[in-house]
Structure formats: C-alpha cells, structure tokens
C-alpha cells in the first residue's frame, strides 16, 4: 500500500477507534494501530472485508457488538443510506461541488486527495472482474460525498438549515450514542476486589479444604445506568430544533428505554409513541399526540405537570433530566423557578439545552431562562450537530450531584462564554 494510502488508513483507524471509545468500548490506541496494520496487510476490497477486520481487531466481547455495529455504520456505511435520498445528496453537491466533480471528472484530471490516495482499494485486484472494479469506483465517491455533507453541516445551526438538510441531520442525530452515567446498585456481586466478605460463599468453598476458609470470597456493589429523561420544547420558536431533538429522543428511547416528553402549552409524554420500531409510524404518533406543536410556551406549567404526574412517582428521582428550550415563557417566570427548584431536589443532574446560547452576545435575560438557571447543573447550546456531541458529553459526565443551595455558583458551562 502506498504511503499516502497508509497515512489515510491510519487516520481512519484512529478516528474509528476514537468514536468507539467515546461510545463506551475499551478501544485503546494499540488496538487502532493493530486495525490499521491488519488493513495494510490484508488490503480489503469490499466493505464486508473491512468490517470483519475492524471487528476482529477492535472488539473484545460479544456484549460490545451492538455498539460496534452502530458506530461502524455511522463511520463507514452511512453513505448508502443517505444516497437513497437524492434531494439531500443533490443539495450537498450543488453547494460544495467537490464530490460530484471528482466523480464525473476523468481519472487523470482528478485532484490529489482522498480519492487518489484511496486508489489501491478501488483498482482492479487479482481475480476481480471489470464489473467489480466499476462497482468499487462507484462506492468510494458516494461515501466521500456523504462524509463531506456531514462535515459541512456539522457547525451549521439547525435554524439555518433547509428542510432537506434537517432531514439528514435528524437521521444523524438519531444515531448519536447516548451514554448515561452509572449509579450504585442495590445488589452485591462477587468480585476479586470487593470490600465485603461473602460469608456463605466462603464457608461453602471451605468444604474443599477440610473446613478451613483458605479462600475468601468478596462482594461489592454493582453499577447500573441512570435513567435519562428528555423534555423538548416544541413551541413555534423552537420548531427547527424540535425536529432534530425528536429524532434524538427516539434514539434514546430505543437504546436506553429513556423517558421522552414534549411541551409547548401543555405536557405530552412521547415515550410509548417513540418506542415504535418503525420510524415513520413513531414520528406520526408523536406528532398526533402533541396537538400544541408549534404553539405558545408555558414552561412552568409543563414542568409542574411533569413533577405532579411523573416526577414524584419515580421518573425524575435520581435521573439525568435534559430540558431543551430557549426559555421563552408566556406565564409568570416565578412558576418556572419554583418548578425547577422542585426538580433539582428530585433529579440527580439537570442539563438545560438552549440553542440561543450559541450567540456570542447571548445573556440569559429572558424571564423563564433567568428563573431556571440557578437550578441548572450544566448549560449547553446544542444548536448544531457538533454541539449535540457536547450534549452527549454532558449526559455522560453527569456523575456528580451538586447541592441545591450552591447550584448557581458551580454552574458548568461547556460551550461559549460564561453566563
């Protein structure tokens, strides 16, 4: 393999390993190096060959296959899915023009870049036919086109995207891995480094040594993922962001059995609707369940309903609560402050996602936002695809509980300047 292709493969292997590590798999730089060396030695021709090389070198257990397959599809196999939507790819080609120009131009006129450096994987290999070579040459530009679209839209605000671009971003958001923080479980399990002595197991094993407890058996508490609760503002001011976060909520419901709610002038539980396996049916049920979509905003009343009907019954108790709203409130802001104070006492961690925060001149002066902010643990923008990754990091890192009286001074802001 030429040096350019080797360098590109090393970057791809490092990127895949980094994404898998972010998703929670124990992928080390050594395993990424092993994957790159395996690709250089085997020189895979098809994506199936590449998949098995990555799986053999990066996966260490069967329980990791589901996460690995999801991340692998995000990195390598996203292009065929998005190429089924001609309007999205065509819009991306008209804007950037790079992928289509490289695909339609003659081989000798193509610029030096990813396509030329990846030529060893698209050239004819021993035993391959001409049709196989043409099929390989068609797959590579389509994958590069999808990657270029994702990179171009990564930092663009959802409010500035077209309907086609929002459809693509929504599909990408649904595949973002939501990893909840762990919590201590009530059960004890045997463990070599446990702190508690398992007397029964120790006495049982002592039968092997004539009743002498030579081997001590210890136990320690197990860890379980915390519950994640998502409340999305679907009022008129949040309409372009609500579309994307609806897909994000469905991904969390499908993967984590999270709780999902939408609110504008009233609160609507969407967990059952988004649990539907068929995406089209799930989104249709969600829209039908929320008749106040694109209406006004009553944050305080919605939070009060959530606490009275769901929160105190255990949904919010010890959970990571994510609220997506710009803070605009029709009713009195005092109700927002009272509801947020009650929520902060129940929840383990409160994350507020406000797309308006992305502006450099933003200040939380809106009545609802100003009243809620003292009881927020983490404040992020979440206005773009790259900012959604910060939301995922905020959920993953929500391991500490901030005492209620000192929440405001220790507020963690992960994007933009201080508030």
Protein backbone atom coordinates (compact mmCIF):
# COMPACT_ATOMS: atom_id res chain seq x y z
CA UNK A 1 0.00 0.00 0.00
CA UNK A 2 1.48 3.43 -0.92
CA UNK A 3 2.46 5.84 1.78
CA UNK A 4 -0.46 8.23 1.10
CA UNK A 5 -2.99 5.42 1.45
CA UNK A 6 -1.20 4.14 4.55
CA UNK A 7 -1.43 7.56 6.17
CA UNK A 8 -5.09 7.86 5.28
CA UNK A 9 -5.83 4.40 6.71
CA UNK A 10 -4.04 5.32 9.92
CA UNK A 11 -6.26 8.40 10.26
CA UNK A 12 -9.40 6.36 9.57
CA UNK A 13 -8.37 3.71 12.11
CA UNK A 14 -7.64 6.37 14.73
CA UNK A 15 -10.97 8.09 14.05
CA UNK A 16 -12.91 4.83 14.29
CA UNK A 17 -11.14 3.87 17.50
CA UNK A 18 -11.85 7.31 18.98
CA UNK A 19 -15.56 7.07 18.11
CA UNK A 20 -15.78 3.58 19.61
CA UNK A 21 -14.01 4.78 22.75
CA UNK A 22 -16.48 7.67 23.06
CA UNK A 23 -19.33 5.19 22.69
CA UNK A 24 -18.05 3.30 25.74
CA UNK A 25 -15.97 0.47 24.25
CA UNK A 26 -12.47 -0.23 25.66
CA UNK A 27 -10.66 0.58 22.40
CA UNK A 28 -7.06 1.61 23.01
CA UNK A 29 -4.59 3.25 20.60
CA UNK A 30 -2.79 -0.10 20.39
CA UNK A 31 -5.93 -1.76 19.02
CA UNK A 32 -6.37 1.06 16.49
CA UNK A 33 -2.79 0.51 15.38
CA UNK A 34 -3.47 -3.23 15.08
CA UNK A 35 -6.54 -2.48 12.94
CA UNK A 36 -4.54 -0.22 10.62
CA UNK A 37 -1.80 -2.85 10.31
CA UNK A 38 -4.39 -5.53 9.51
CA UNK A 39 -5.90 -3.38 6.76
CA UNK A 40 -2.46 -2.67 5.31
CA UNK A 41 -1.63 -6.39 5.27
CA UNK A 42 -4.98 -7.72 4.01
CA UNK A 43 -5.79 -4.84 1.60
CA UNK A 44 -9.60 -5.35 1.82
CA UNK A 45 -11.61 -4.84 -1.35
CA UNK A 46 -15.20 -4.76 -0.07
CA UNK A 47 -16.78 -3.12 2.94
CA UNK A 48 -17.60 -6.54 4.34
CA UNK A 49 -13.90 -7.40 4.43
CA UNK A 50 -13.18 -4.09 6.17
CA UNK A 51 -15.97 -4.73 8.69
CA UNK A 52 -14.57 -8.11 9.74
CA UNK A 53 -11.03 -6.74 10.05
CA UNK A 54 -12.32 -3.98 12.34
CA UNK A 55 -14.47 -6.38 14.34
CA UNK A 56 -11.69 -8.91 14.91
CA UNK A 57 -9.12 -6.30 15.98
CA UNK A 58 -11.28 -3.83 17.94
CA UNK A 59 -13.99 -5.91 19.65
CA UNK A 60 -13.17 -7.96 22.75
CA UNK A 61 -16.59 -9.30 23.78
CA UNK A 62 -19.99 -10.23 22.40
CA UNK A 63 -21.67 -7.58 24.53
CA UNK A 64 -19.83 -4.93 22.52
CA UNK A 65 -21.18 -5.96 19.12
CA UNK A 66 -24.30 -3.80 19.20
CA UNK A 67 -22.40 -0.60 19.95
CA UNK A 68 -19.65 -1.53 17.49
CA UNK A 69 -22.11 -2.15 14.64
CA UNK A 70 -23.86 1.17 15.28
CA UNK A 71 -20.65 3.20 15.32
CA UNK A 72 -19.27 1.31 12.31
CA UNK A 73 -22.39 2.15 10.31
CA UNK A 74 -22.07 5.80 11.29
CA UNK A 75 -18.47 5.95 10.08
CA UNK A 76 -18.41 3.71 7.00
CA UNK A 77 -21.91 2.75 5.94
CA UNK A 78 -23.82 5.99 6.25
CA UNK A 79 -23.41 6.89 2.58
CA UNK A 80 -25.62 4.16 1.05
CA UNK A 81 -28.46 5.10 3.39
CA UNK A 82 -28.27 8.79 2.55
CA UNK A 83 -27.76 8.21 -1.15
CA UNK A 84 -31.30 6.85 -1.17
CA UNK A 85 -32.44 10.46 -0.65
CA UNK A 86 -31.50 12.12 -3.97
CA UNK A 87 -32.58 15.60 -2.90
CA UNK A 88 -30.20 15.64 0.06
CA UNK A 89 -27.18 14.48 -1.89
CA UNK A 90 -28.06 16.75 -4.81
CA UNK A 91 -28.34 19.76 -2.50
CA UNK A 92 -24.99 18.93 -0.96
CA UNK A 93 -23.39 18.51 -4.40
CA UNK A 94 -24.76 21.85 -5.61
CA UNK A 95 -23.35 23.61 -2.56
CA UNK A 96 -19.95 22.00 -2.24
CA UNK A 97 -19.47 20.65 -5.75
CA UNK A 98 -16.42 18.69 -4.72
CA UNK A 99 -17.77 15.15 -4.57
CA UNK A 100 -19.71 15.33 -7.84
CA UNK A 101 -16.81 16.97 -9.67
CA UNK A 102 -14.40 14.24 -8.59
CA UNK A 103 -16.86 11.53 -9.58
CA UNK A 104 -17.66 12.92 -13.07
CA UNK A 105 -14.17 14.13 -14.00
CA UNK A 106 -11.69 11.85 -15.85
CA UNK A 107 -9.23 9.98 -13.68
CA UNK A 108 -6.24 11.96 -14.91
CA UNK A 109 -7.94 15.27 -14.04
CA UNK A 110 -8.99 14.35 -10.51
CA UNK A 111 -7.20 16.40 -7.84
CA UNK A 112 -4.84 14.83 -5.41
CA UNK A 113 -6.84 13.97 -2.26
CA UNK A 114 -8.77 11.24 -0.63
CA UNK A 115 -9.95 9.68 -3.87
CA UNK A 116 -6.46 9.39 -5.31
CA UNK A 117 -4.94 8.21 -2.05
CA UNK A 118 -7.60 5.53 -1.74
CA UNK A 119 -6.92 4.26 -5.28
CA UNK A 120 -5.27 0.97 -4.13
CA UNK A 121 -8.65 -0.07 -2.74
CA UNK A 122 -10.54 0.83 -5.92
CA UNK A 123 -8.12 -0.55 -8.51
CA UNK A 124 -8.59 -3.96 -10.09
CA UNK A 125 -7.31 -6.72 -7.83
CA UNK A 126 -6.16 -10.18 -8.94
CA UNK A 127 -9.17 -12.33 -9.75
CA UNK A 128 -11.60 -9.39 -9.91
CA UNK A 129 -13.72 -8.64 -12.97
CA UNK A 130 -14.26 -5.33 -14.71
CA UNK A 131 -17.76 -5.04 -13.24
CA UNK A 132 -16.36 -5.42 -9.71
CA UNK A 133 -13.89 -2.64 -10.39
CA UNK A 134 -16.60 -0.31 -11.65
CA UNK A 135 -18.76 -1.06 -8.61
CA UNK A 136 -15.85 -0.27 -6.27
CA UNK A 137 -15.20 3.03 -8.06
CA UNK A 138 -18.86 3.98 -7.67
CA UNK A 139 -18.96 3.21 -3.93
CA UNK A 140 -15.99 5.35 -2.90
CA UNK A 141 -17.19 8.73 -4.29
CA UNK A 142 -20.67 8.20 -2.78
CA UNK A 143 -19.12 7.60 0.64
CA UNK A 144 -16.90 10.68 0.27
CA UNK A 145 -19.92 12.75 -0.75
CA UNK A 146 -21.85 11.78 2.38
CA UNK A 147 -18.84 12.48 4.59
CA UNK A 148 -18.42 15.92 3.01
CA UNK A 149 -22.11 16.71 3.63
CA UNK A 150 -21.81 15.71 7.29
CA UNK A 151 -18.67 17.79 7.78
CA UNK A 152 -20.20 20.80 6.02
CA UNK A 153 -23.31 20.73 8.21
CA UNK A 154 -21.54 19.89 11.46
CA UNK A 155 -21.32 23.51 12.69
CA UNK A 156 -24.37 24.94 10.94
CA UNK A 157 -27.24 25.94 13.19
CA UNK A 158 -30.41 23.90 12.76
CA UNK A 159 -32.36 27.12 12.27
CA UNK A 160 -30.24 27.96 9.18
CA UNK A 161 -30.68 24.55 7.50
CA UNK A 162 -33.10 23.71 4.73
CA UNK A 163 -35.75 21.02 5.06
CA UNK A 164 -33.54 18.51 3.21
CA UNK A 165 -30.54 19.30 5.40
CA UNK A 166 -32.66 18.99 8.54
CA UNK A 167 -33.82 15.56 7.37
CA UNK A 168 -30.20 14.44 7.03
CA UNK A 169 -29.18 15.95 10.38
CA UNK A 170 -32.16 14.32 12.07
CA UNK A 171 -31.07 10.88 10.88
CA UNK A 172 -27.54 11.56 12.12
CA UNK A 173 -28.84 12.77 15.48
CA UNK A 174 -30.88 9.60 15.96
CA UNK A 175 -27.67 7.56 15.76
CA UNK A 176 -25.72 9.58 18.32
CA UNK A 177 -24.79 7.32 21.24
CA UNK A 178 -26.45 8.46 24.47
CA UNK A 179 -24.36 7.00 27.30
CA UNK A 180 -25.87 7.58 30.76
CA UNK A 181 -23.63 7.89 33.82
CA UNK A 182 -23.51 4.89 36.19
CA UNK A 183 -25.08 4.74 39.61
CA UNK A 184 -24.59 2.38 42.53
CA UNK A 185 -26.97 -0.54 42.51
CA UNK A 186 -28.56 -2.21 45.50
CA UNK A 187 -27.34 -5.71 44.72
CA UNK A 188 -23.95 -7.17 45.57
CA UNK A 189 -21.95 -9.41 43.26
CA UNK A 190 -18.83 -11.47 43.73
CA UNK A 191 -15.69 -9.63 42.81
CA UNK A 192 -11.99 -10.20 43.37
CA UNK A 193 -11.51 -6.66 44.68
CA UNK A 194 -14.77 -6.49 46.65
CA UNK A 195 -14.84 -4.79 50.02
CA UNK A 196 -17.42 -7.05 51.72
CA UNK A 197 -16.88 -10.64 52.73
CA UNK A 198 -19.34 -13.18 51.34
CA UNK A 199 -19.62 -15.45 54.37
CA UNK A 200 -21.89 -18.04 52.79
CA UNK A 201 -19.71 -18.46 49.68
CA UNK A 202 -16.57 -18.55 51.83
CA UNK A 203 -17.93 -21.33 54.04
CA UNK A 204 -19.11 -23.28 51.01
CA UNK A 205 -15.63 -23.20 49.49
CA UNK A 206 -14.06 -24.13 52.80
CA UNK A 207 -15.51 -27.64 52.31
CA UNK A 208 -12.78 -28.22 49.76
CA UNK A 209 -10.09 -27.53 52.38
CA UNK A 210 -11.47 -29.55 55.32
CA UNK A 211 -13.45 -26.63 56.70
CA UNK A 212 -10.52 -24.22 56.74
CA UNK A 213 -11.57 -20.95 54.98
CA UNK A 214 -8.39 -20.58 52.98
CA UNK A 215 -10.03 -18.80 50.04
CA UNK A 216 -12.06 -15.74 50.98
CA UNK A 217 -14.86 -14.65 48.67
CA UNK A 218 -15.67 -10.94 48.49
CA UNK A 219 -18.56 -8.99 47.04
CA UNK A 220 -19.10 -5.40 46.01
CA UNK A 221 -21.98 -3.26 44.85
CA UNK A 222 -22.96 -3.33 41.20
CA UNK A 223 -23.39 -0.28 38.98
CA UNK A 224 -26.38 0.43 36.79
CA UNK A 225 -27.03 3.17 34.22
CA UNK A 226 -29.01 6.13 35.45
CA UNK A 227 -32.37 6.92 33.97
CA UNK A 228 -32.36 9.65 31.32
CA UNK A 229 -35.39 11.93 30.95
CA UNK A 230 -35.69 14.31 28.00
CA UNK A 231 -38.15 17.21 27.81
CA UNK A 232 -38.19 19.08 24.49
CA UNK A 233 -39.81 22.43 23.83
CA UNK A 234 -41.86 22.12 20.60
CA UNK A 235 -43.23 25.66 20.54
CA UNK A 236 -43.01 27.93 17.50
CA UNK A 237 -39.68 29.48 18.49
CA UNK A 238 -38.09 26.02 18.83
CA UNK A 239 -39.65 24.42 15.73
CA UNK A 240 -36.44 23.86 13.65
CA UNK A 241 -34.63 22.42 16.69
CA UNK A 242 -37.60 20.29 17.82
CA UNK A 243 -37.42 18.21 14.63
CA UNK A 244 -33.85 17.15 15.30
CA UNK A 245 -34.33 16.57 19.02
CA UNK A 246 -37.38 14.42 18.32
CA UNK A 247 -35.08 12.01 16.47
CA UNK A 248 -32.54 12.23 19.28
CA UNK A 249 -35.22 11.34 21.81
CA UNK A 250 -36.31 8.34 19.75
CA UNK A 251 -32.72 7.07 19.67
CA UNK A 252 -32.51 7.41 23.47
CA UNK A 253 -35.86 5.68 23.97
CA UNK A 254 -34.89 2.82 21.67
CA UNK A 255 -31.41 2.30 23.15
CA UNK A 256 -31.84 3.19 26.84
CA UNK A 257 -35.59 2.98 27.49
CA UNK A 258 -35.36 6.67 28.35
CA UNK A 259 -38.41 8.81 29.10
CA UNK A 260 -39.35 11.43 26.48
CA UNK A 261 -41.72 14.37 26.85
CA UNK A 262 -42.70 17.31 24.65
CA UNK A 263 -44.22 20.56 25.81
CA UNK A 264 -45.49 23.85 24.43
CA UNK A 265 -48.71 24.97 26.12
CA UNK A 266 -49.10 21.53 27.74
CA UNK A 267 -47.01 18.47 28.56
CA UNK A 268 -47.21 15.32 26.40
CA UNK A 269 -45.50 12.00 27.13
CA UNK A 270 -43.95 10.60 23.93
CA UNK A 271 -42.20 7.51 25.32
CA UNK A 272 -44.71 4.98 24.02
CA UNK A 273 -45.00 6.66 20.64
CA UNK A 274 -41.23 6.80 20.10
CA UNK A 275 -40.80 3.21 21.27
CA UNK A 276 -42.40 2.10 18.00
CA UNK A 277 -39.88 0.15 15.91
CA UNK A 278 -40.97 1.71 12.61
CA UNK A 279 -39.62 5.29 12.43
CA UNK A 280 -42.39 6.71 10.24
CA UNK A 281 -45.10 5.31 12.49
CA UNK A 282 -43.28 6.52 15.62
CA UNK A 283 -42.97 10.11 14.40
CA UNK A 284 -46.56 10.19 13.17
CA UNK A 285 -47.80 9.01 16.56
CA UNK A 286 -45.61 11.58 18.31
CA UNK A 287 -46.98 14.44 16.21
CA UNK A 288 -50.55 13.27 16.74
CA UNK A 289 -50.01 13.04 20.49
CA UNK A 290 -48.82 16.69 20.72
CA UNK A 291 -51.62 18.91 19.38
CA UNK A 292 -49.87 22.05 20.66
CA UNK A 293 -46.88 21.58 18.34
CA UNK A 294 -45.53 25.00 17.20
CA UNK A 295 -47.79 26.77 19.68
CA UNK A 296 -47.01 29.02 22.62
CA UNK A 297 -44.73 28.19 25.55
CA UNK A 298 -45.72 27.54 29.13
CA UNK A 299 -42.56 26.07 30.63
CA UNK A 300 -43.57 26.49 34.25
CA UNK A 301 -46.93 24.81 33.82
CA UNK A 302 -45.38 21.96 31.81
CA UNK A 303 -42.72 21.35 34.46
CA UNK A 304 -45.33 21.48 37.19
CA UNK A 305 -47.42 18.86 35.36
CA UNK A 306 -44.34 16.71 34.88
CA UNK A 307 -43.49 16.82 38.58
CA UNK A 308 -47.05 16.18 39.76
CA UNK A 309 -47.87 13.32 37.37
CA UNK A 310 -44.49 11.71 36.66
CA UNK A 311 -41.58 13.18 38.62
CA UNK A 312 -42.59 12.36 42.17
CA UNK A 313 -43.62 8.84 41.13
CA UNK A 314 -40.02 8.00 40.36
CA UNK A 315 -39.40 9.11 36.77
CA UNK A 316 -37.23 12.07 37.77
CA UNK A 317 -35.92 10.74 41.07
CA UNK A 318 -32.16 10.23 40.73
CA UNK A 319 -32.32 10.71 36.94
CA UNK A 320 -30.42 12.87 34.48
CA UNK A 321 -33.01 15.36 33.23
CA UNK A 322 -32.35 17.12 29.91
CA UNK A 323 -34.54 20.14 29.09
CA UNK A 324 -34.38 21.56 25.57
CA UNK A 325 -35.85 25.06 25.44
CA UNK A 326 -34.96 28.67 24.63
CA UNK A 327 -36.51 29.89 27.89
CA UNK A 328 -39.33 31.96 26.42
CA UNK A 329 -42.25 31.88 28.86
CA UNK A 330 -45.78 33.21 28.40
CA UNK A 331 -46.82 32.86 32.04
CA UNK A 332 -45.09 34.16 35.13
CA UNK A 333 -41.36 33.27 35.39
CA UNK A 334 -41.80 32.65 39.12
CA UNK A 335 -43.61 29.40 38.31
CA UNK A 336 -40.58 28.28 36.29
CA UNK A 337 -38.28 28.98 39.21
CA UNK A 338 -40.49 27.09 41.67
CA UNK A 339 -40.80 24.08 39.36
CA UNK A 340 -37.06 23.99 38.67
CA UNK A 341 -36.33 24.15 42.39
CA UNK A 342 -38.58 21.12 42.95
CA UNK A 343 -37.00 19.32 40.02
CA UNK A 344 -33.47 19.98 41.30
CA UNK A 345 -34.34 18.25 44.56
CA UNK A 346 -35.53 15.13 42.77
CA UNK A 347 -33.13 14.81 39.85
CA UNK A 348 -29.51 13.76 40.06
CA UNK A 349 -28.39 16.23 37.39
CA UNK A 350 -30.25 18.88 35.37
CA UNK A 351 -28.99 19.79 31.89
CA UNK A 352 -30.54 22.73 30.03
CA UNK A 353 -30.03 22.94 26.27
CA UNK A 354 -30.67 26.42 24.85
CA UNK A 355 -29.82 26.97 21.15
CA UNK A 356 -29.82 30.75 21.68
CA UNK A 357 -26.75 30.39 23.84
CA UNK A 358 -24.60 29.83 20.75
CA UNK A 359 -24.63 33.58 20.02
CA UNK A 360 -21.60 35.43 21.39
CA UNK A 361 -23.75 38.26 22.73
CA UNK A 362 -26.21 35.95 24.46
CA UNK A 363 -27.20 36.72 28.03
CA UNK A 364 -29.83 34.77 29.99
CA UNK A 365 -32.13 37.74 30.45
CA UNK A 366 -35.36 36.07 29.30
CA UNK A 367 -37.71 35.65 32.25
CA UNK A 368 -38.08 31.89 32.08
CA UNK A 369 -34.39 31.25 31.44
CA UNK A 370 -33.24 33.62 34.17
CA UNK A 371 -35.55 31.96 36.69
CA UNK A 372 -34.46 28.43 35.77
CA UNK A 373 -30.72 28.97 35.50
CA UNK A 374 -29.91 28.94 39.26
CA UNK A 375 -31.12 25.34 39.42
CA UNK A 376 -29.31 24.08 36.30
CA UNK A 377 -26.16 21.99 36.67
CA UNK A 378 -24.94 22.11 33.05
CA UNK A 379 -25.86 24.71 30.44
CA UNK A 380 -25.12 23.95 26.75
CA UNK A 381 -26.27 25.24 23.38
CA UNK A 382 -26.95 22.11 21.30
CA UNK A 383 -27.69 24.26 18.23
CA UNK A 384 -25.76 22.16 15.68
CA UNK A 385 -24.66 18.61 15.04
CA UNK A 386 -21.27 19.22 16.64
CA UNK A 387 -22.95 20.90 19.61
CA UNK A 388 -25.09 17.79 20.03
CA UNK A 389 -21.91 15.90 20.85
CA UNK A 390 -21.42 18.32 23.74
CA UNK A 391 -24.91 17.43 24.93
CA UNK A 392 -23.93 13.75 24.80
CA UNK A 393 -20.76 14.52 26.78
CA UNK A 394 -22.81 16.43 29.36
CA UNK A 395 -25.08 13.40 29.84
CA UNK A 396 -22.11 11.03 30.05
CA UNK A 397 -20.28 13.23 32.57
CA UNK A 398 -23.30 13.89 34.81
CA UNK A 399 -21.79 11.83 37.61
CA UNK A 400 -21.72 14.42 40.41
CA UNK A 401 -24.73 15.79 42.25
CA UNK A 402 -24.47 19.48 43.03
CA UNK A 403 -26.14 20.54 46.30
CA UNK A 404 -29.19 22.73 45.69
CA UNK A 405 -28.05 25.81 47.68
CA UNK A 406 -24.80 26.09 45.67
CA UNK A 407 -26.02 25.17 42.20
CA UNK A 408 -25.73 28.65 40.70
CA UNK A 409 -22.08 29.38 41.68
CA UNK A 410 -20.89 25.98 40.45
CA UNK A 411 -22.82 26.02 37.17
CA UNK A 412 -20.85 24.21 34.47
CA UNK A 413 -20.95 25.85 31.03
CA UNK A 414 -19.48 23.70 28.29
CA UNK A 415 -19.89 25.98 25.25
CA UNK A 416 -19.50 29.68 24.72
CA UNK A 417 -18.55 32.15 27.40
CA UNK A 418 -19.68 32.44 30.99
CA UNK A 419 -23.30 33.23 31.67
